[in-house]
Protein backbone atom coordinates (compact mmCIF):
# COMPACT_ATOMS: atom_id res chain seq x y z
CA UNK A 1 -46.48 -31.14 -40.90
CA UNK A 2 -43.12 -30.52 -42.47
CA UNK A 3 -40.23 -31.16 -40.10
CA UNK A 4 -37.50 -28.48 -39.94
CA UNK A 5 -34.28 -29.34 -41.68
CA UNK A 6 -31.45 -29.75 -39.19
CA UNK A 7 -27.83 -29.34 -40.16
CA UNK A 8 -26.00 -32.55 -39.32
CA UNK A 9 -23.01 -30.55 -38.08
CA UNK A 10 -25.10 -28.26 -35.91
CA UNK A 11 -25.11 -30.59 -32.90
CA UNK A 12 -21.32 -30.81 -32.99
CA UNK A 13 -20.85 -27.09 -32.32
CA UNK A 14 -22.51 -25.61 -29.20
CA UNK A 15 -24.43 -22.40 -29.66
CA UNK A 16 -22.51 -19.25 -28.76
CA UNK A 17 -24.51 -18.52 -25.61
CA UNK A 18 -24.12 -22.10 -24.41
CA UNK A 19 -20.40 -21.95 -25.04
CA UNK A 20 -20.00 -18.74 -23.01
CA UNK A 21 -22.07 -20.20 -20.15
CA UNK A 22 -19.93 -23.34 -20.29
CA UNK A 23 -16.78 -21.22 -20.07
CA UNK A 24 -18.06 -19.48 -16.94
CA UNK A 25 -19.39 -22.65 -15.36
CA UNK A 26 -16.17 -24.54 -15.94
CA UNK A 27 -14.00 -21.80 -14.53
CA UNK A 28 -16.25 -21.24 -11.51
CA UNK A 29 -16.11 -24.96 -10.74
CA UNK A 30 -12.34 -25.09 -11.25
CA UNK A 31 -11.63 -22.07 -9.05
CA UNK A 32 -14.09 -23.17 -6.38
CA UNK A 33 -12.40 -26.56 -6.09
CA UNK A 34 -8.97 -24.94 -6.20
CA UNK A 35 -9.98 -22.86 -3.18
CA UNK A 36 -11.31 -25.96 -1.44
CA UNK A 37 -14.86 -24.62 -1.24
CA UNK A 38 -18.15 -26.42 -1.51
CA UNK A 39 -20.97 -24.94 -3.56
CA UNK A 40 -22.58 -23.86 -0.28
CA UNK A 41 -19.43 -22.04 0.82
CA UNK A 42 -19.35 -20.19 -2.49
CA UNK A 43 -23.02 -19.31 -2.07
CA UNK A 44 -22.31 -18.03 1.44
CA UNK A 45 -19.52 -15.82 0.11
CA UNK A 46 -21.79 -14.37 -2.58
CA UNK A 47 -24.34 -13.54 0.10
CA UNK A 48 -21.65 -11.81 2.15
CA UNK A 49 -20.88 -9.66 -0.90
CA UNK A 50 -24.51 -8.55 -1.01
CA UNK A 51 -25.84 -10.58 -3.96
CA UNK A 52 -27.08 -14.02 -2.83
CA UNK A 53 -26.71 -16.88 -5.31
CA UNK A 54 -28.24 -20.03 -3.78
CA UNK A 55 -26.25 -23.24 -3.66
CA UNK A 56 -28.66 -25.05 -6.01
CA UNK A 57 -28.31 -22.25 -8.58
CA UNK A 58 -24.52 -22.59 -8.48
CA UNK A 59 -24.80 -26.38 -8.76
CA UNK A 60 -27.16 -26.09 -11.73
CA UNK A 61 -24.86 -23.61 -13.42
CA UNK A 62 -21.79 -25.81 -12.99
CA UNK A 63 -23.66 -28.84 -14.36
CA UNK A 64 -25.04 -26.93 -17.35
CA UNK A 65 -28.68 -27.09 -16.21
CA UNK A 66 -29.06 -23.35 -15.62
CA UNK A 67 -30.86 -21.67 -18.50
CA UNK A 68 -29.48 -18.16 -18.04
CA UNK A 69 -26.50 -16.46 -16.49
CA UNK A 70 -27.03 -12.80 -15.52
CA UNK A 71 -24.08 -10.45 -15.76
CA UNK A 72 -24.50 -9.46 -12.10
CA UNK A 73 -24.02 -13.11 -11.10
CA UNK A 74 -20.80 -13.31 -13.10
CA UNK A 75 -19.52 -10.15 -11.41
CA UNK A 76 -20.27 -11.40 -7.89
CA UNK A 77 -19.00 -14.92 -8.58
CA UNK A 78 -15.73 -13.45 -9.82
CA UNK A 79 -15.36 -11.31 -6.70
CA UNK A 80 -16.19 -14.27 -4.47
CA UNK A 81 -13.58 -16.39 -6.25
CA UNK A 82 -11.05 -13.53 -6.10
CA UNK A 83 -10.65 -13.11 -9.83
CA UNK A 84 -11.93 -10.83 -12.61
CA UNK A 85 -15.23 -11.35 -14.48
CA UNK A 86 -13.48 -11.41 -17.84
CA UNK A 87 -11.36 -14.35 -16.70
CA UNK A 88 -14.52 -16.37 -16.06
CA UNK A 89 -15.87 -15.54 -19.52
CA UNK A 90 -12.56 -16.18 -21.28
CA UNK A 91 -10.59 -18.69 -19.17
CA UNK A 92 -7.18 -18.26 -20.77
CA UNK A 93 -5.04 -21.37 -20.40
CA UNK A 94 -8.01 -23.63 -19.65
CA UNK A 95 -10.14 -23.12 -22.76
CA UNK A 96 -8.07 -23.05 -25.93
CA UNK A 97 -10.65 -21.59 -28.31
CA UNK A 98 -13.98 -19.81 -27.97
CA UNK A 99 -16.47 -17.69 -29.88
CA UNK A 100 -16.68 -13.94 -29.51
CA UNK A 101 -20.10 -13.57 -31.13
CA UNK A 102 -22.75 -15.86 -32.62
CA UNK A 103 -22.02 -17.42 -36.03
CA UNK A 104 -18.32 -16.56 -35.78
CA UNK A 105 -15.50 -19.03 -36.09
CA UNK A 106 -13.63 -20.21 -33.04
CA UNK A 107 -10.67 -18.03 -32.11
CA UNK A 108 -7.92 -18.36 -29.49
CA UNK A 109 -9.35 -17.48 -26.08
CA UNK A 110 -6.38 -15.17 -25.46
CA UNK A 111 -7.23 -13.13 -28.57
CA UNK A 112 -10.90 -12.97 -27.60
CA UNK A 113 -10.03 -11.72 -24.11
CA UNK A 114 -7.73 -8.98 -25.43
CA UNK A 115 -10.39 -7.70 -27.80
CA UNK A 116 -13.03 -7.88 -25.06
CA UNK A 117 -10.92 -5.74 -22.73
CA UNK A 118 -9.81 -3.36 -25.48
CA UNK A 119 -6.14 -4.31 -25.19
CA UNK A 120 -6.22 -5.20 -28.88
CA UNK A 121 -7.65 -2.55 -31.16
CA UNK A 122 -10.50 -3.51 -33.45
CA UNK A 123 -10.74 -1.32 -36.58
CA UNK A 124 -13.82 0.87 -36.46
CA UNK A 125 -14.53 0.31 -32.76
CA UNK A 126 -14.88 3.36 -30.52
CA UNK A 127 -12.83 3.10 -27.32
CA UNK A 128 -14.52 6.16 -25.83
CA UNK A 129 -12.47 7.85 -23.13
CA UNK A 130 -10.49 4.73 -22.19
CA UNK A 131 -7.29 5.76 -24.04
CA UNK A 132 -7.48 9.19 -22.39
CA UNK A 133 -7.90 7.65 -18.94
CA UNK A 134 -4.99 5.28 -19.61
CA UNK A 135 -2.81 8.24 -20.61
CA UNK A 136 -4.00 10.08 -17.48
CA UNK A 137 -2.90 7.16 -15.28
CA UNK A 138 0.45 6.97 -17.06
CA UNK A 139 1.10 10.69 -16.59
CA UNK A 140 0.25 10.43 -12.89
CA UNK A 141 2.78 7.61 -12.47
CA UNK A 142 5.40 9.64 -14.33
CA UNK A 143 4.76 12.79 -12.30
CA UNK A 144 4.80 11.00 -8.93
CA UNK A 145 7.99 9.11 -9.78
CA UNK A 146 9.67 12.33 -10.91
CA UNK A 147 8.62 14.15 -7.72
CA UNK A 148 10.03 11.34 -5.59
CA UNK A 149 13.31 11.34 -7.48
CA UNK A 150 13.47 15.13 -7.24
CA UNK A 151 13.04 14.96 -3.46
CA UNK A 152 15.74 12.32 -3.13
CA UNK A 153 18.10 14.40 -5.26
CA UNK A 154 17.36 17.47 -3.13
CA UNK A 155 18.25 15.52 0.00
CA UNK A 156 21.44 14.25 -1.66
CA UNK A 157 22.41 17.81 -2.52
CA UNK A 158 21.94 18.93 1.09
CA UNK A 159 24.01 16.05 2.46
CA UNK A 160 26.69 15.96 -0.26
CA UNK A 161 30.22 15.48 1.05
CA UNK A 162 31.83 17.37 -1.81
CA UNK A 163 31.11 20.10 -4.30
CA UNK A 164 31.13 17.60 -7.18
CA UNK A 165 28.54 15.41 -5.43
CA UNK A 166 26.38 18.44 -4.73
CA UNK A 167 26.52 19.60 -8.34
CA UNK A 168 25.59 16.13 -9.59
CA UNK A 169 22.68 15.98 -7.14
CA UNK A 170 21.50 19.42 -8.25
CA UNK A 171 21.70 18.32 -11.87
CA UNK A 172 19.52 15.31 -11.12
CA UNK A 173 17.10 17.42 -9.09
CA UNK A 174 16.67 19.83 -12.00
CA UNK A 175 16.18 16.95 -14.43
CA UNK A 176 13.44 15.33 -12.37
CA UNK A 177 11.81 18.66 -11.57
CA UNK A 178 11.53 19.32 -15.30
CA UNK A 179 10.02 15.86 -15.83
CA UNK A 180 7.44 16.50 -13.12
CA UNK A 181 6.54 19.89 -14.57
CA UNK A 182 6.15 18.40 -18.05
CA UNK A 183 3.90 15.59 -16.80
CA UNK A 184 1.79 18.04 -14.79
CA UNK A 185 1.46 20.34 -17.81
CA UNK A 186 0.23 17.46 -19.96
CA UNK A 187 -2.13 16.34 -17.21
CA UNK A 188 -3.67 19.79 -16.88
CA UNK A 189 -4.35 20.01 -20.61
CA UNK A 190 -5.64 16.44 -20.80
CA UNK A 191 -8.07 17.10 -17.94
CA UNK A 192 -9.22 20.30 -19.61
CA UNK A 193 -9.86 18.42 -22.88
CA UNK A 194 -11.80 15.70 -21.03
CA UNK A 195 -14.03 18.28 -19.39
CA UNK A 196 -14.63 20.04 -22.69
CA UNK A 197 -15.70 16.69 -24.20
CA UNK A 198 -18.20 16.15 -21.39
CA UNK A 199 -16.20 13.66 -19.29
CA UNK A 200 -15.31 13.84 -15.61
CA UNK A 201 -11.53 13.42 -15.17
CA UNK A 202 -10.24 10.86 -12.66
CA UNK A 203 -9.28 11.93 -9.17
CA UNK A 204 -5.80 13.28 -8.60
CA UNK A 205 -3.54 12.18 -5.72
CA UNK A 206 -2.89 14.90 -3.12
CA UNK A 207 0.70 15.34 -4.32
CA UNK A 208 -0.64 16.51 -7.69
CA UNK A 209 -3.33 18.81 -6.38
CA UNK A 210 -1.70 21.77 -8.13
CA UNK A 211 -2.47 20.25 -11.54
CA UNK A 212 -6.02 21.60 -11.48
CA UNK A 213 -6.18 25.32 -12.21
CA UNK A 214 -7.29 27.43 -9.22
CA UNK A 215 -11.00 28.09 -8.98
CA UNK A 216 -11.92 31.63 -10.06
CA UNK A 217 -12.73 34.02 -7.25
CA UNK A 218 -16.32 34.93 -8.06
CA UNK A 219 -16.53 37.47 -5.26
CA UNK A 220 -13.69 39.65 -6.52
CA UNK A 221 -13.89 42.10 -9.39
CA UNK A 222 -12.14 41.38 -12.73
CA UNK A 223 -9.61 44.12 -11.89
CA UNK A 224 -8.79 42.48 -8.53
CA UNK A 225 -8.37 39.04 -10.19
CA UNK A 226 -5.86 40.55 -12.59
C-alpha cells in the first residue's frame, strides 16, 4: 500500500482548528489562574450560569486533549471568566500571531480580532445592519447629551444673576435644543428605514419616546385624523 506523502513542514505549523482551540485553552487557563480558581471552581461557575462544563472537560481542554470546542462552551467560559468570547479566541497581547481561516498565513492577533468583530472593514463583506445600529446608538448618545445640556442651560437662565448671564444661558439652551431636535429627526428617519428594510429598531430610552411617530388612530375617521 502506498503511504501518503507528508509535507516535512506540515508538523511545524498546527492546523487552524487546533490553533484556535489552543488560543482558547491558553487564555482560559491564564484567566482562571489569574482569578485564583481551580478547574472545579470554574466548572461550578459555568453550572451556575446554566451550562455545566465538567471539571475534567475543562482540564482536557486546557491540556489540549479535548477534541472539540463548541461555541456555547466558549460563550459560557467567557462569561464565567468575566471577559468576552472574542478575547478567548483572539487573546490580544498574549498570542502575537494567529490564523483567521484555514490555509491562511499567520497575521497579528490584533488585526484578526478587529476583522472578526467588524471594527476593520473587509472589502466585499456585508456588515448587515450593524453600521445602522452603531449610528442609532451614536444618535441616542448625542440626543441625550443635548437634552441634558439644554436642561442645565434652562436652569441657568432661570437663576441668572444678570441679564447678560440670562441671555448667554438662553443662547446655550437654544443651541442644545436644536442639537437634540436634529438628532431626534435623524433617529426617526433611521428607524423608519430600518423597518422598511425588515429590521426591528433598537429600544429607545424613555427620554426619547417622542422619536417614534404616534400610532394611527384606527377608530377615528380619516377626516377626524386630519
